[in-house]
Amino acid sequence: MSVLVARLLLTIRTDTTLTAAESGQIILVTGAATVVTLPTAAAGLNYTIVRGSATAGQDVILTAGASDTIDASATAGSITN
């Protein structure tokens, strides 16, 4: 038996702060050097973030919300990919 789960797709072209209401969505980032800021961490929040282009300069800059950290670092920060 297979289970099919529908997920919403949100396309981002400019710097954006995600909300808890957008949790579970697939976030397609198509803008150049786009900053995506996560909301304050909370149990159950999850996001799938996809870079829409492999072109140089089309980076996704993922930034932690509030005083949260990314990847267990000691200070709040960001990841660029």
Protein backbone atom coordinates (compact mmCIF):
# COMPACT_ATOMS: atom_id res chain seq x y z
CA MET A 1 0.00 0.00 0.00
CA SER A 2 1.39 3.41 -0.90
CA VAL A 3 0.35 6.72 0.54
CA LEU A 4 0.32 9.83 -1.60
CA VAL A 5 0.87 13.12 0.22
CA ALA A 6 0.07 16.40 -1.51
CA ARG A 7 2.42 19.28 -0.70
CA LEU A 8 2.06 22.90 -1.70
CA LEU A 9 4.72 24.63 -3.78
CA LEU A 10 5.68 28.19 -2.87
CA THR A 11 7.87 30.05 -5.38
CA ILE A 12 10.11 32.82 -3.99
CA ARG A 13 11.79 35.42 -6.20
CA THR A 14 12.79 38.02 -3.56
CA ASP A 15 14.06 38.00 0.04
CA THR A 16 11.41 36.35 2.21
CA THR A 17 10.71 35.44 5.83
CA LEU A 18 8.88 32.13 6.07
CA THR A 19 6.02 31.66 8.52
CA ALA A 20 4.91 28.69 10.59
CA ALA A 21 1.82 28.50 8.34
CA GLU A 22 4.13 27.67 5.39
CA SER A 23 5.62 24.67 7.21
CA GLY A 24 5.47 21.49 5.11
CA GLN A 25 5.61 23.32 1.80
CA ILE A 26 8.22 22.95 -0.89
CA ILE A 27 9.94 26.33 -1.26
CA LEU A 28 11.30 26.91 -4.80
CA VAL A 29 13.77 29.82 -4.79
CA THR A 30 14.22 31.39 -8.23
CA GLY A 31 15.61 34.85 -7.45
CA ALA A 32 19.25 35.90 -7.58
CA ALA A 33 21.05 35.79 -4.19
CA THR A 34 17.76 35.38 -2.34
CA VAL A 35 17.68 35.46 1.47
CA VAL A 36 15.20 33.05 3.06
CA THR A 37 14.73 33.67 6.79
CA LEU A 38 13.27 30.86 8.87
CA PRO A 39 10.73 31.55 11.61
CA THR A 40 11.62 30.95 15.25
CA ALA A 41 12.25 27.24 15.72
CA ALA A 42 9.34 25.18 17.03
CA ALA A 43 8.57 21.49 17.19
CA GLY A 44 7.08 20.14 13.97
CA LEU A 45 8.15 22.93 11.61
CA ASN A 46 9.74 21.67 8.39
CA TYR A 47 10.55 23.14 5.02
CA THR A 48 11.99 21.70 1.81
CA ILE A 49 13.98 24.46 0.12
CA VAL A 50 15.01 23.97 -3.51
CA ARG A 51 17.32 26.23 -5.49
CA GLY A 52 15.71 26.80 -8.89
CA SER A 53 18.92 27.48 -10.79
CA ALA A 54 22.51 26.29 -10.82
CA THR A 55 23.63 29.57 -12.40
CA ALA A 56 26.40 31.47 -10.60
CA GLY A 57 24.94 34.24 -8.46
CA GLN A 58 21.62 32.45 -7.97
CA ASP A 59 22.48 31.53 -4.37
CA VAL A 60 19.97 30.77 -1.65
CA ILE A 61 21.00 32.33 1.66
CA LEU A 62 19.21 30.53 4.49
CA THR A 63 19.12 32.54 7.71
CA ALA A 64 18.05 31.40 11.18
CA GLY A 65 15.11 33.17 12.76
CA ALA A 66 15.36 35.24 15.95
CA SER A 67 18.12 33.92 18.22
CA ASP A 68 18.11 30.43 16.67
CA THR A 69 21.15 28.75 15.16
CA ILE A 70 21.69 26.64 12.05
CA ASP A 71 23.46 23.30 12.17
CA ALA A 72 24.12 23.52 15.93
CA SER A 73 26.50 26.46 15.60
CA ALA A 74 27.22 28.53 18.69
CA THR A 75 25.83 31.74 17.17
CA ALA A 76 22.94 32.72 14.95
CA GLY A 77 23.95 32.66 11.35
CA SER A 78 23.22 31.67 7.80
CA ILE A 79 24.05 29.10 5.16
CA THR A 80 24.71 30.00 1.52
CA ASN A 81 24.25 27.51 -1.27
